[in-house]
Amino acid sequence: MVGLSVGVFLAILLVSLVLWIFLIWFSIHVMRKCHGQPGWLNPTVITLLVLYFLMGWIPGLGFLFFIALLIILIVFNNKCVSSKKK
């Protein structure tokens, strides 16, 4: 028999949903912290979130969107915190 069992499919679906919710929460957190600076950050983050949601089921693209979004969010989370301390 070829394919995934129902349990594995539901586990993968649950992990994907949890990652997407985490990315939404972290994106909102970073966008609030940065106050729209730089100007391209908010549209880029929103676009990557939508693309990750729509195309996340494609194995290569889903991972690419997740990693790109996570790197951008981590970098600007650190950058906005360090600029407020100055």
N, C-alpha and C. Protein backbone atom coordinates (compact mmCIF):
# COMPACT_ATOMS: atom_id res chain seq x y z
N MET A 1 0.84 -1.17 0.00
CA MET A 1 0.00 0.00 0.00
C MET A 1 0.89 1.24 0.00
N VAL A 2 0.61 2.14 -0.90
CA VAL A 2 1.39 3.36 -1.04
C VAL A 2 0.62 4.51 -0.42
N GLY A 3 1.32 5.39 0.30
CA GLY A 3 0.68 6.56 0.87
C GLY A 3 0.94 6.66 2.35
N LEU A 4 0.33 7.67 2.92
CA LEU A 4 0.47 7.92 4.35
C LEU A 4 -0.73 7.35 5.10
N SER A 5 -0.47 6.93 6.30
CA SER A 5 -1.60 6.51 7.12
C SER A 5 -2.32 7.76 7.63
N VAL A 6 -3.50 7.59 8.10
CA VAL A 6 -4.30 8.71 8.58
C VAL A 6 -3.63 9.39 9.76
N GLY A 7 -3.02 8.61 10.64
CA GLY A 7 -2.34 9.17 11.80
C GLY A 7 -1.17 10.06 11.43
N VAL A 8 -0.37 9.60 10.49
CA VAL A 8 0.78 10.39 10.05
C VAL A 8 0.31 11.66 9.35
N PHE A 9 -0.71 11.54 8.52
CA PHE A 9 -1.25 12.71 7.83
C PHE A 9 -1.78 13.74 8.81
N LEU A 10 -2.51 13.31 9.82
CA LEU A 10 -3.04 14.24 10.82
C LEU A 10 -1.92 14.87 11.65
N ALA A 11 -0.87 14.12 11.94
CA ALA A 11 0.27 14.66 12.68
C ALA A 11 0.98 15.74 11.87
N ILE A 12 1.18 15.47 10.59
CA ILE A 12 1.82 16.46 9.72
C ILE A 12 0.94 17.70 9.59
N LEU A 13 -0.35 17.51 9.45
CA LEU A 13 -1.28 18.62 9.36
C LEU A 13 -1.27 19.45 10.64
N LEU A 14 -1.23 18.81 11.78
CA LEU A 14 -1.21 19.50 13.06
C LEU A 14 0.09 20.29 13.24
N VAL A 15 1.21 19.70 12.89
CA VAL A 15 2.49 20.41 12.99
C VAL A 15 2.51 21.61 12.06
N SER A 16 2.00 21.47 10.86
CA SER A 16 1.94 22.58 9.91
C SER A 16 1.07 23.71 10.45
N LEU A 17 -0.05 23.37 11.03
CA LEU A 17 -0.95 24.37 11.59
C LEU A 17 -0.30 25.10 12.76
N VAL A 18 0.38 24.37 13.63
CA VAL A 18 1.06 24.99 14.77
C VAL A 18 2.17 25.92 14.29
N LEU A 19 2.95 25.50 13.29
CA LEU A 19 4.00 26.36 12.74
C LEU A 19 3.41 27.63 12.12
N TRP A 20 2.31 27.49 11.41
CA TRP A 20 1.71 28.65 10.78
C TRP A 20 1.18 29.63 11.83
N ILE A 21 0.56 29.13 12.88
CA ILE A 21 0.07 30.00 13.96
C ILE A 21 1.24 30.68 14.66
N PHE A 22 2.33 29.93 14.90
CA PHE A 22 3.52 30.53 15.50
C PHE A 22 4.08 31.63 14.62
N LEU A 23 4.15 31.40 13.31
CA LEU A 23 4.67 32.42 12.40
C LEU A 23 3.78 33.66 12.37
N ILE A 24 2.47 33.48 12.44
CA ILE A 24 1.57 34.64 12.48
C ILE A 24 1.82 35.44 13.75
N TRP A 25 1.90 34.75 14.88
CA TRP A 25 2.13 35.44 16.15
C TRP A 25 3.47 36.17 16.14
N PHE A 26 4.52 35.50 15.69
CA PHE A 26 5.86 36.11 15.68
C PHE A 26 5.91 37.26 14.68
N SER A 27 5.22 37.15 13.55
CA SER A 27 5.19 38.23 12.57
C SER A 27 4.52 39.46 13.14
N ILE A 28 3.40 39.29 13.81
CA ILE A 28 2.72 40.43 14.43
C ILE A 28 3.61 41.06 15.49
N HIS A 29 4.27 40.23 16.27
CA HIS A 29 5.18 40.72 17.32
C HIS A 29 6.29 41.57 16.72
N VAL A 30 6.91 41.11 15.65
CA VAL A 30 8.02 41.84 15.02
C VAL A 30 7.51 43.10 14.34
N MET A 31 6.37 43.03 13.65
CA MET A 31 5.85 44.22 12.97
C MET A 31 5.48 45.31 13.97
N ARG A 32 4.93 44.94 15.11
CA ARG A 32 4.63 45.94 16.14
C ARG A 32 5.90 46.53 16.73
N LYS A 33 6.88 45.70 16.92
CA LYS A 33 8.13 46.15 17.52
C LYS A 33 8.87 47.11 16.59
N CYS A 34 8.81 46.88 15.28
CA CYS A 34 9.55 47.70 14.32
C CYS A 34 8.78 48.94 13.87
N HIS A 35 7.51 49.02 14.16
CA HIS A 35 6.68 50.19 13.82
C HIS A 35 6.74 50.55 12.33
N GLY A 36 6.76 49.56 11.46
CA GLY A 36 6.73 49.80 10.02
C GLY A 36 8.04 50.25 9.42
N GLN A 37 9.13 50.11 10.13
CA GLN A 37 10.43 50.50 9.61
C GLN A 37 11.28 49.26 9.43
N PRO A 38 11.88 49.01 8.34
CA PRO A 38 11.80 49.69 7.05
C PRO A 38 10.44 49.47 6.37
N GLY A 39 10.16 50.28 5.39
CA GLY A 39 8.85 50.27 4.75
C GLY A 39 8.50 48.98 4.03
N TRP A 40 9.49 48.22 3.61
CA TRP A 40 9.23 46.98 2.86
C TRP A 40 8.98 45.79 3.77
N LEU A 41 9.19 45.93 5.06
CA LEU A 41 9.11 44.78 5.96
C LEU A 41 7.69 44.22 6.07
N ASN A 42 6.72 45.07 6.34
CA ASN A 42 5.34 44.59 6.53
C ASN A 42 4.78 43.91 5.29
N PRO A 43 4.87 44.53 4.09
CA PRO A 43 4.35 43.83 2.90
C PRO A 43 5.08 42.52 2.61
N THR A 44 6.37 42.48 2.85
CA THR A 44 7.14 41.25 2.60
C THR A 44 6.72 40.14 3.55
N VAL A 45 6.58 40.47 4.82
CA VAL A 45 6.18 39.47 5.81
C VAL A 45 4.78 38.94 5.51
N ILE A 46 3.86 39.83 5.19
CA ILE A 46 2.49 39.41 4.89
C ILE A 46 2.46 38.54 3.63
N THR A 47 3.21 38.93 2.60
CA THR A 47 3.27 38.14 1.37
C THR A 47 3.84 36.76 1.62
N LEU A 48 4.92 36.67 2.40
CA LEU A 48 5.50 35.37 2.70
C LEU A 48 4.57 34.50 3.54
N LEU A 49 3.83 35.12 4.45
CA LEU A 49 2.85 34.34 5.24
C LEU A 49 1.77 33.75 4.34
N VAL A 50 1.26 34.56 3.42
CA VAL A 50 0.21 34.09 2.52
C VAL A 50 0.75 33.00 1.60
N LEU A 51 1.94 33.21 1.06
CA LEU A 51 2.53 32.19 0.19
C LEU A 51 2.81 30.90 0.95
N TYR A 52 3.26 31.02 2.21
CA TYR A 52 3.50 29.82 3.01
C TYR A 52 2.19 29.08 3.27
N PHE A 53 1.12 29.83 3.49
CA PHE A 53 -0.17 29.20 3.73
C PHE A 53 -0.71 28.53 2.46
N LEU A 54 -0.58 29.21 1.33
CA LEU A 54 -1.13 28.69 0.08
C LEU A 54 -0.28 27.58 -0.54
N MET A 55 1.04 27.71 -0.44
CA MET A 55 1.92 26.78 -1.13
C MET A 55 2.78 25.95 -0.18
N GLY A 56 2.44 25.95 1.09
CA GLY A 56 3.22 25.21 2.07
C GLY A 56 3.15 23.71 1.90
N TRP A 57 2.16 23.24 1.22
CA TRP A 57 2.00 21.79 1.01
C TRP A 57 2.97 21.26 -0.03
N ILE A 58 3.56 22.14 -0.84
CA ILE A 58 4.57 21.73 -1.81
C ILE A 58 5.89 21.61 -1.04
N PRO A 59 6.49 20.42 -0.99
CA PRO A 59 7.61 20.20 -0.08
C PRO A 59 8.76 21.21 -0.17
N GLY A 60 9.26 21.52 -1.31
CA GLY A 60 10.38 22.45 -1.41
C GLY A 60 9.99 23.89 -1.12
N LEU A 61 8.86 24.31 -1.68
CA LEU A 61 8.44 25.70 -1.50
C LEU A 61 8.01 25.99 -0.07
N GLY A 62 7.32 25.07 0.55
CA GLY A 62 6.90 25.29 1.93
C GLY A 62 8.08 25.51 2.85
N PHE A 63 9.10 24.69 2.70
CA PHE A 63 10.30 24.83 3.52
C PHE A 63 11.02 26.14 3.20
N LEU A 64 11.10 26.51 1.92
CA LEU A 64 11.77 27.74 1.51
C LEU A 64 11.07 28.96 2.09
N PHE A 65 9.73 29.02 1.99
CA PHE A 65 9.00 30.15 2.55
C PHE A 65 9.14 30.21 4.07
N PHE A 66 9.10 29.06 4.73
CA PHE A 66 9.23 29.02 6.19
C PHE A 66 10.59 29.54 6.62
N ILE A 67 11.65 29.07 6.00
CA ILE A 67 13.01 29.49 6.36
C ILE A 67 13.22 30.97 6.06
N ALA A 68 12.77 31.43 4.88
CA ALA A 68 12.94 32.84 4.52
C ALA A 68 12.21 33.74 5.51
N LEU A 69 10.99 33.39 5.84
CA LEU A 69 10.21 34.19 6.77
C LEU A 69 10.83 34.18 8.16
N LEU A 70 11.26 33.03 8.60
CA LEU A 70 11.86 32.91 9.93
C LEU A 70 13.15 33.72 10.03
N ILE A 71 13.99 33.69 9.00
CA ILE A 71 15.24 34.46 9.02
C ILE A 71 14.95 35.95 9.04
N ILE A 72 14.03 36.41 8.20
CA ILE A 72 13.68 37.84 8.18
C ILE A 72 13.14 38.28 9.53
N LEU A 73 12.27 37.48 10.11
CA LEU A 73 11.68 37.85 11.40
C LEU A 73 12.72 37.86 12.52
N ILE A 74 13.61 36.91 12.54
CA ILE A 74 14.64 36.89 13.59
C ILE A 74 15.59 38.07 13.45
N VAL A 75 16.01 38.36 12.23
CA VAL A 75 16.94 39.47 12.00
C VAL A 75 16.30 40.78 12.43
N PHE A 76 15.06 41.03 12.01
CA PHE A 76 14.44 42.31 12.34
C PHE A 76 13.95 42.36 13.77
N ASN A 77 13.68 41.23 14.39
CA ASN A 77 13.37 41.23 15.81
C ASN A 77 14.59 41.71 16.60
N ASN A 78 15.77 41.23 16.25
CA ASN A 78 16.99 41.65 16.92
C ASN A 78 17.36 43.08 16.56
N LYS A 79 17.17 43.47 15.30
CA LYS A 79 17.53 44.81 14.86
C LYS A 79 16.65 45.86 15.51
N CYS A 80 15.37 45.62 15.63
CA CYS A 80 14.47 46.61 16.22
C CYS A 80 14.68 46.72 17.72
N VAL A 81 15.04 45.63 18.37
CA VAL A 81 15.33 45.68 19.80
C VAL A 81 16.61 46.47 20.05
N SER A 82 17.64 46.24 19.25
CA SER A 82 18.91 46.92 19.46
C SER A 82 18.81 48.41 19.11
N SER A 83 17.95 48.78 18.14
CA SER A 83 17.81 50.19 17.80
C SER A 83 17.03 50.95 18.87
N LYS A 84 16.14 50.28 19.62
CA LYS A 84 15.43 50.94 20.70
C LYS A 84 16.31 51.19 21.91
N LYS A 85 17.34 50.35 22.10
CA LYS A 85 18.21 50.49 23.26
C LYS A 85 19.18 51.65 23.12
N LYS A 86 19.44 52.09 21.88
CA LYS A 86 20.40 53.19 21.64
C LYS A 86 19.83 54.52 22.04
